[in-house]
Every structure is written in C-alpha cells, then in structure tokens.
C-alpha atoms as a PDB file:
ATOM      1  CA  MET A   1     -31.059  22.945  -2.330  1.00  0.00           C
ATOM      2  CA  THR A   2     -28.363  25.593  -1.988  1.00  0.00           C
ATOM      3  CA  ALA A   3     -25.252  25.686  -4.157  1.00  0.00           C
ATOM      4  CA  GLN A   4     -23.170  24.608  -1.161  1.00  0.00           C
ATOM      5  CA  GLN A   5     -25.433  21.639  -0.486  1.00  0.00           C
ATOM      6  CA  ALA A   6     -25.343  20.646  -4.139  1.00  0.00           C
ATOM      7  CA  GLN A   7     -21.551  20.817  -4.136  1.00  0.00           C
ATOM      8  CA  SER A   8     -21.374  18.737  -0.971  1.00  0.00           C
ATOM      9  CA  LYS A   9     -23.733  16.137  -2.435  1.00  0.00           C
ATOM     10  CA  ARG A  10     -21.665  15.937  -5.610  1.00  0.00           C
ATOM     11  CA  ALA A  11     -18.448  15.521  -3.627  1.00  0.00           C
ATOM     12  CA  GLN A  12     -20.025  12.743  -1.564  1.00  0.00           C
ATOM     13  CA  LEU A  13     -21.175  10.920  -4.680  1.00  0.00           C
ATOM     14  CA  GLN A  14     -17.735  11.238  -6.236  1.00  0.00           C
ATOM     15  CA  HIS A  15     -16.248   9.742  -3.072  1.00  0.00           C
ATOM     16  CA  THR A  16     -18.770   6.888  -3.238  1.00  0.00           C
ATOM     17  CA  ILE A  17     -17.879   6.201  -6.870  1.00  0.00           C
ATOM     18  CA  ARG A  18     -14.138   6.170  -6.136  1.00  0.00           C
ATOM     19  CA  LEU A  19     -14.634   3.779  -3.235  1.00  0.00           C
ATOM     20  CA  ALA A  20     -16.817   1.527  -5.376  1.00  0.00           C
ATOM     21  CA  ALA A  21     -14.215   1.554  -8.131  1.00  0.00           C
ATOM     22  CA  LEU A  22     -11.419   0.822  -5.648  1.00  0.00           C
ATOM     23  CA  GLU A  23     -13.360  -2.201  -4.362  1.00  0.00           C
ATOM     24  CA  GLU A  24     -14.037  -3.431  -7.893  1.00  0.00           C
ATOM     25  CA  PHE A  25     -10.472  -2.960  -9.139  1.00  0.00           C
ATOM     26  CA  ALA A  26      -8.998  -4.516  -5.984  1.00  0.00           C
ATOM     27  CA  SER A  27     -11.193  -7.578  -6.495  1.00  0.00           C
ATOM     28  CA  ASN A  28     -11.101  -7.976 -10.272  1.00  0.00           C
ATOM     29  CA  GLY A  29      -8.341  -5.811 -11.698  1.00  0.00           C
ATOM     30  CA  LEU A  30      -8.783  -3.381 -14.559  1.00  0.00           C
ATOM     31  CA  HIS A  31      -9.787  -5.896 -17.219  1.00  0.00           C
ATOM     32  CA  GLY A  32     -12.112  -7.853 -14.950  1.00  0.00           C
ATOM     33  CA  ALA A  33     -13.909  -4.743 -13.745  1.00  0.00           C
ATOM     34  CA  SER A  34     -16.802  -3.158 -15.594  1.00  0.00           C
ATOM     35  CA  MET A  35     -18.611   0.152 -15.469  1.00  0.00           C
ATOM     36  CA  GLN A  36     -21.810  -1.717 -14.609  1.00  0.00           C
ATOM     37  CA  ALA A  37     -20.129  -3.433 -11.663  1.00  0.00           C
ATOM     38  CA  ILE A  38     -18.797  -0.104 -10.387  1.00  0.00           C
ATOM     39  CA  ALA A  39     -22.253   1.467 -10.752  1.00  0.00           C
ATOM     40  CA  ASN A  40     -23.779  -1.458  -8.877  1.00  0.00           C
ATOM     41  CA  ARG A  41     -21.300  -1.102  -6.009  1.00  0.00           C
ATOM     42  CA  ALA A  42     -21.978   2.651  -5.885  1.00  0.00           C
ATOM     43  CA  GLN A  43     -25.724   1.948  -6.022  1.00  0.00           C
ATOM     44  CA  ILE A  44     -26.322   4.335  -8.878  1.00  0.00           C
ATOM     45  CA  ALA A  45     -27.550   3.898 -12.453  1.00  0.00           C
ATOM     46  CA  LYS A  46     -24.852   3.266 -15.052  1.00  0.00           C
ATOM     47  CA  PRO A  47     -25.792   6.352 -17.143  1.00  0.00           C
ATOM     48  CA  LYS A  48     -25.324   8.510 -14.035  1.00  0.00           C
ATOM     49  CA  LEU A  49     -21.854   7.056 -13.554  1.00  0.00           C
ATOM     50  CA  TYR A  50     -20.810   8.395 -16.954  1.00  0.00           C
ATOM     51  CA  TYR A  51     -21.809  11.856 -15.799  1.00  0.00           C
ATOM     52  CA  TYR A  52     -18.969  11.746 -13.271  1.00  0.00           C
ATOM     53  CA  ILE A  53     -16.281   9.754 -15.080  1.00  0.00           C
ATOM     54  CA  THR A  54     -15.274   9.280 -18.716  1.00  0.00           C
ATOM     55  CA  SER A  55     -14.036   5.683 -18.610  1.00  0.00           C
ATOM     56  CA  LYS A  56     -12.950   2.974 -16.206  1.00  0.00           C
ATOM     57  CA  GLU A  57      -9.402   3.330 -17.553  1.00  0.00           C
ATOM     58  CA  GLU A  58      -9.231   7.001 -16.575  1.00  0.00           C
ATOM     59  CA  LEU A  59     -10.770   6.239 -13.178  1.00  0.00           C
ATOM     60  CA  TYR A  60      -8.261   3.406 -12.667  1.00  0.00           C
ATOM     61  CA  LYS A  61      -5.339   5.666 -13.496  1.00  0.00           C
ATOM     62  CA  ASP A  62      -6.631   8.430 -11.233  1.00  0.00           C
ATOM     63  CA  ILE A  63      -6.999   6.073  -8.267  1.00  0.00           C
ATOM     64  CA  LEU A  64      -3.566   4.531  -8.841  1.00  0.00           C
ATOM     65  CA  GLU A  65      -1.912   7.948  -8.991  1.00  0.00           C
ATOM     66  CA  SER A  66      -3.584   8.980  -5.732  1.00  0.00           C
ATOM     67  CA  ILE A  67      -2.311   5.790  -4.070  1.00  0.00           C
ATOM     68  CA  VAL A  68       1.235   6.356  -5.339  1.00  0.00           C
ATOM     69  CA  THR A  69       1.165   9.927  -4.028  1.00  0.00           C
ATOM     70  CA  LYS A  70      -0.152   8.810  -0.655  1.00  0.00           C
ATOM     71  CA  TRP A  71       2.358   5.988  -0.368  1.00  0.00           C
ATOM     72  CA  GLY A  72       5.186   8.398  -1.042  1.00  0.00           C
ATOM     73  CA  THR A  73       4.912   9.383   2.617  1.00  0.00           C
ATOM     74  CA  LEU A  74       5.563   5.771   3.637  1.00  0.00           C
ATOM     75  CA  ALA A  75       9.041   5.580   2.162  1.00  0.00           C
ATOM     76  CA  PHE A  76      11.783   3.956   4.203  1.00  0.00           C
ATOM     77  CA  ASP A  77      12.613   6.251   7.125  1.00  0.00           C
ATOM     78  CA  ILE A  78      15.963   7.898   6.436  1.00  0.00           C
ATOM     79  CA  GLN A  79      15.383  10.614   9.018  1.00  0.00           C
ATOM     80  CA  ASN A  80      16.720   8.154  11.593  1.00  0.00           C
ATOM     81  CA  GLY A  81      19.626   7.338   9.314  1.00  0.00           C
ATOM     82  CA  ASP A  82      22.097   7.037  12.174  1.00  0.00           C
ATOM     83  CA  ASP A  83      20.000   4.465  14.031  1.00  0.00           C
ATOM     84  CA  PRO A  84      19.094   1.302  12.073  1.00  0.00           C
ATOM     85  CA  VAL A  85      16.973  -0.149  14.881  1.00  0.00           C
ATOM     86  CA  ALA A  86      14.820   2.983  15.084  1.00  0.00           C
ATOM     87  CA  ALA A  87      14.526   3.349  11.297  1.00  0.00           C
ATOM     88  CA  ILE A  88      13.610  -0.266  10.605  1.00  0.00           C
ATOM     89  CA  SER A  89      11.260  -0.502  13.583  1.00  0.00           C
ATOM     90  CA  HIS A  90       9.449   2.674  12.533  1.00  0.00           C
ATOM     91  CA  TYR A  91       9.073   1.545   8.933  1.00  0.00           C
ATOM     92  CA  ILE A  92       7.629  -1.826   9.925  1.00  0.00           C
ATOM     93  CA  ASP A  93       5.215  -0.142  12.326  1.00  0.00           C
ATOM     94  CA  ILE A  94       3.779   2.360   9.863  1.00  0.00           C
ATOM     95  CA  LYS A  95       3.689  -0.075   6.924  1.00  0.00           C
ATOM     96  CA  ILE A  96       1.818  -2.835   8.734  1.00  0.00           C
ATOM     97  CA  ARG A  97      -0.654  -0.378  10.246  1.00  0.00           C
ATOM     98  CA  HIS A  98      -1.208   1.177   6.821  1.00  0.00           C
ATOM     99  CA  ALA A  99      -1.747  -2.248   5.209  1.00  0.00           C
ATOM    100  CA  LEU A 100      -4.305  -3.272   7.819  1.00  0.00           C
ATOM    101  CA  GLU A 101      -6.135   0.055   7.576  1.00  0.00           C
ATOM    102  CA  ASN A 102      -6.076   0.215   3.767  1.00  0.00           C
ATOM    103  CA  PRO A 103      -6.318  -3.354   2.434  1.00  0.00           C
ATOM    104  CA  LEU A 104      -8.183  -2.323  -0.726  1.00  0.00           C
ATOM    105  CA  GLU A 105      -5.428   0.093  -1.724  1.00  0.00           C
ATOM    106  CA  CYS A 106      -2.842  -2.629  -1.166  1.00  0.00           C
ATOM    107  CA  ARG A 107      -4.720  -5.217  -3.210  1.00  0.00           C
ATOM    108  CA  PHE A 108      -5.406  -2.676  -5.963  1.00  0.00           C
ATOM    109  CA  PHE A 109      -1.661  -1.980  -6.117  1.00  0.00           C
ATOM    110  CA  SER A 110      -0.827  -5.705  -6.171  1.00  0.00           C
ATOM    111  CA  GLN A 111      -3.308  -6.305  -8.992  1.00  0.00           C
ATOM    112  CA  GLU A 112      -1.560  -3.618 -11.046  1.00  0.00           C
ATOM    113  CA  VAL A 113       1.896  -5.089 -10.428  1.00  0.00           C
ATOM    114  CA  ALA A 114       0.663  -8.620 -11.164  1.00  0.00           C
ATOM    115  CA  ARG A 115      -0.468  -7.566 -14.653  1.00  0.00           C
ATOM    116  CA  GLY A 116       2.946  -6.110 -15.464  1.00  0.00           C
ATOM    117  CA  ALA A 117       2.413  -2.619 -14.047  1.00  0.00           C
ATOM    118  CA  PRO A 118       1.634  -0.884 -17.377  1.00  0.00           C
ATOM    119  CA  VAL A 119       0.214   2.202 -15.646  1.00  0.00           C
ATOM    120  CA  LEU A 120       2.471   2.116 -12.600  1.00  0.00           C
ATOM    121  CA  GLN A 121       5.678   2.070 -14.634  1.00  0.00           C
ATOM    122  CA  GLU A 122       5.503   5.793 -15.305  1.00  0.00           C
ATOM    123  CA  HIS A 123       5.895   6.357 -11.557  1.00  0.00           C
ATOM    124  CA  TRP A 124       8.696   3.861 -11.000  1.00  0.00           C
ATOM    125  CA  GLU A 125      11.602   6.208 -11.614  1.00  0.00           C
ATOM    126  CA  GLN A 126      10.503   8.375  -8.690  1.00  0.00           C
ATOM    127  CA  SER A 127      10.096   5.270  -6.522  1.00  0.00           C
ATOM    128  CA  LYS A 128      13.491   3.959  -7.597  1.00  0.00           C
ATOM    129  CA  GLN A 129      15.120   7.199  -6.495  1.00  0.00           C
ATOM    130  CA  ALA A 130      13.573   6.779  -3.035  1.00  0.00           C
ATOM    131  CA  VAL A 131      14.863   3.190  -2.893  1.00  0.00           C
ATOM    132  CA  GLN A 132      18.345   4.340  -3.895  1.00  0.00           C
ATOM    133  CA  ARG A 133      18.376   6.993  -1.163  1.00  0.00           C
ATOM    134  CA  ALA A 134      17.444   4.351   1.381  1.00  0.00           C
ATOM    135  CA  ASN A 135      20.088   2.026  -0.110  1.00  0.00           C
ATOM    136  CA  ALA A 136      22.723   4.641   0.636  1.00  0.00           C
ATOM    137  CA  VAL A 137      21.613   4.810   4.262  1.00  0.00           C
ATOM    138  CA  ILE A 138      21.581   1.017   4.628  1.00  0.00           C
ATOM    139  CA  GLN A 139      25.018   0.781   3.040  1.00  0.00           C
ATOM    140  CA  SER A 140      26.300   3.381   5.509  1.00  0.00           C
ATOM    141  CA  TRP A 141      25.104   1.153   8.364  1.00  0.00           C
ATOM    142  CA  ILE A 142      26.982  -1.786   6.837  1.00  0.00           C
ATOM    143  CA  ASP A 143      30.148   0.250   6.315  1.00  0.00           C
ATOM    144  CA  ALA A 144      30.006   1.508   9.916  1.00  0.00           C
ATOM    145  CA  GLY A 145      29.521  -2.033  11.247  1.00  0.00           C
ATOM    146  CA  LYS A 146      26.106  -1.198  12.658  1.00  0.00           C
ATOM    147  CA  ILE A 147      24.392  -4.074  10.841  1.00  0.00           C
ATOM    148  CA  ASN A 148      25.400  -7.297   9.134  1.00  0.00           C
ATOM    149  CA  PRO A 149      25.996  -7.056   5.378  1.00  0.00           C
ATOM    150  CA  VAL A 150      22.826  -7.300   3.282  1.00  0.00           C
ATOM    151  CA  ASN A 151      21.814  -6.463  -0.256  1.00  0.00           C
ATOM    152  CA  PRO A 152      20.129  -3.093   0.442  1.00  0.00           C
ATOM    153  CA  THR A 153      17.585  -3.356  -2.364  1.00  0.00           C
ATOM    154  CA  VAL A 154      16.625  -6.953  -1.597  1.00  0.00           C
ATOM    155  CA  PHE A 155      16.365  -6.073   2.090  1.00  0.00           C
ATOM    156  CA  GLN A 156      13.883  -3.288   1.283  1.00  0.00           C
ATOM    157  CA  MET A 157      11.876  -5.584  -0.990  1.00  0.00           C
ATOM    158  CA  GLN A 158      11.664  -8.177   1.770  1.00  0.00           C
ATOM    159  CA  LEU A 159      10.496  -5.516   4.218  1.00  0.00           C
ATOM    160  CA  TRP A 160       7.827  -4.489   1.731  1.00  0.00           C
ATOM    161  CA  ALA A 161       6.688  -8.073   1.158  1.00  0.00           C
ATOM    162  CA  VAL A 162       6.282  -8.902   4.840  1.00  0.00           C
ATOM    163  CA  THR A 163       4.567  -5.665   5.808  1.00  0.00           C
ATOM    164  CA  GLN A 164       2.228  -5.866   2.788  1.00  0.00           C
ATOM    165  CA  HIS A 165       1.325  -9.516   3.313  1.00  0.00           C
ATOM    166  CA  TYR A 166      -1.480  -8.975   5.824  1.00  0.00           C
ATOM    167  CA  ALA A 167      -3.445  -6.869   3.357  1.00  0.00           C
ATOM    168  CA  ASP A 168      -2.814  -8.896   0.199  1.00  0.00           C
ATOM    169  CA  TYR A 169      -3.470 -12.199   1.965  1.00  0.00           C
ATOM    170  CA  GLU A 170      -5.806 -10.998   4.699  1.00  0.00           C
ATOM    171  CA  ALA A 171      -8.213 -13.939   4.455  1.00  0.00           C
ATOM    172  CA  GLN A 172      -5.403 -16.478   4.667  1.00  0.00           C
ATOM    173  CA  ALA A 173      -3.751 -14.691   7.594  1.00  0.00           C
ATOM    174  CA  LYS A 174      -7.018 -14.602   9.519  1.00  0.00           C
ATOM    175  CA  PHE A 175      -7.629 -18.284   8.881  1.00  0.00           C
ATOM    176  CA  PHE A 176      -4.257 -19.453  10.168  1.00  0.00           C
ATOM    177  CA  LEU A 177      -4.278 -17.029  13.093  1.00  0.00           C
ATOM    178  CA  ASP A 178      -7.796 -18.161  14.063  1.00  0.00           C
ATOM    179  CA  VAL A 179      -9.235 -14.690  13.594  1.00  0.00           C
ATOM    180  CA  GLU A 180     -12.881 -14.442  12.553  1.00  0.00           C
ATOM    181  CA  PRO A 181     -13.378 -13.062   9.010  1.00  0.00           C
ATOM    182  CA  CYS A 182     -15.266 -10.057  10.356  1.00  0.00           C
ATOM    183  CA  ALA A 183     -12.677  -9.339  13.071  1.00  0.00           C
ATOM    184  CA  ALA A 184      -9.507  -7.299  12.721  1.00  0.00           C
ATOM    185  CA  LEU A 185      -5.959  -8.610  12.844  1.00  0.00           C
ATOM    186  CA  ASP A 186      -3.984  -7.394  15.856  1.00  0.00           C
ATOM    187  CA  PRO A 187      -1.337  -4.973  14.543  1.00  0.00           C
ATOM    188  CA  GLU A 188       0.720  -5.121  17.740  1.00  0.00           C
ATOM    189  CA  ILE A 189       1.411  -8.846  17.348  1.00  0.00           C
ATOM    190  CA  LEU A 190       2.270  -8.557  13.667  1.00  0.00           C
ATOM    191  CA  ILE A 191       4.514  -5.522  14.159  1.00  0.00           C
ATOM    192  CA  LYS A 192       6.413  -7.090  17.061  1.00  0.00           C
ATOM    193  CA  GLU A 193       7.073 -10.337  15.186  1.00  0.00           C
ATOM    194  CA  ALA A 194       8.191  -8.535  12.018  1.00  0.00           C
ATOM    195  CA  GLN A 195      10.497  -6.233  13.970  1.00  0.00           C
ATOM    196  CA  THR A 196      12.049  -9.210  15.753  1.00  0.00           C
ATOM    197  CA  LEU A 197      12.527 -11.029  12.441  1.00  0.00           C
ATOM    198  CA  PHE A 198      14.274  -8.194  10.616  1.00  0.00           C
ATOM    199  CA  LEU A 199      16.261  -6.762  13.517  1.00  0.00           C
ATOM    200  CA  SER A 200      17.587 -10.243  14.363  1.00  0.00           C
ATOM    201  CA  SER A 201      18.645 -10.770  10.756  1.00  0.00           C
ATOM    202  CA  ILE A 202      20.805  -7.631  10.605  1.00  0.00           C
ATOM    203  CA  LYS A 203      22.133  -7.640  14.184  1.00  0.00           C
ATOM    204  CA  THR A 204      25.924  -7.591  14.381  1.00  0.00           C
ATOM    205  CA  LYS A 205      27.931  -9.661  16.817  1.00  0.00           C
ATOM    206  CA  ALA A 206      28.730  -6.461  18.699  1.00  0.00           C
ATOM    207  CA  GLY A 207      25.014  -5.537  18.679  1.00  0.00           C
END
C-alpha cells in the first residue's frame, strides 16, 4: 500500500467514525452515548477507535463545532435587506432543505440544547451577533412600513422552529403526512406552506 493509499484509507475511516458518532450522539446524546456504541456503528474494534480519538467528549465537541461553523452560512439572509419577501422566502427555502438533508446534524444540535447547551454556549455570542444584525434589518422593514410590527428576535426563533421541525420530528411528520418511513418528505410542499404562513403573518395592509 502506498503512502497516498494509506492516507486515503485513514481519512475514510475517520469519516466513518465521525458519522457513527454523529448517529450515536443524535440518538442518545453525549451522556447516553458510549465509545463501544460508536465503535459498533463504525464496525471497528473499540481499541482501534481509541487510536483515532481520545475521548467521546472531545469527539462530541469537535462535531458540534463543525456543525456550528457550517450553520454559520445559513444565517438569516440580510443580503436582501431591502426586500422582506425575498429574504424570508430564501431563508425558509435553504433552512428546510438543509434540515431534510441533514437530520442527524439537526437532532445532534437539539440534543445539545435540550441538555442546557454546556458546550454550545461558548459559541452563542457569535450567534447572538448574527441574530442582532438580522434584528436590525427586520426592524428597518417595520420602520419603513414594509411589514407588520413583530418582535424581531421572537420572529427569528419561530422561523428556526418551523424550519427545523421536519428534522427533529421527522418520524412524526412522516406519520401525519402519510409518508412511508423509508421515503423522503417533499421539500417543495413544506417550503411553500412555511413561506405562506410567515409572509401572511407580516404582510401589511398596503402589501
């Protein structure tokens, strides 16, 4: 085996371990997960797992930080700051598609928040700054009469909750929508309904 092949094999195994850990943490949280369970999901021996990671806590933190970094690109769209319909529609579109395509990441994140977010808290100040920037844009829409008055922060939290729902509660959504467990939810339907809901709620009399 060449050095390049060995490096590729190692990278593939590391990817397999991270995916196994993501599945385990998303299902059982940090405290409910175990190194043995992660090794089982990765289909490797537990001693071999320790060759690649030091502890489940460090692996958990590493995965959470990668999710936070990735999700930074999904912040509320302030590039279309002069057009609330375009900004809100775009945000709903990308968030629902992301949730459906990355349900494990979403459930991992929810598990962390549900336990009080002890690891996530160190990233909250950066997230809060992004929320405050979006608040300023939303408030400018209100001041200009482009949308009905809302609490900007609560409005963003409600957007997050709705667009995240189909990942966190995927099984329930499929049951009530009569979608087979092995089938995918239709993003077009979910996006359209969410856009209608939120755009109707902020539409001015003039709009």
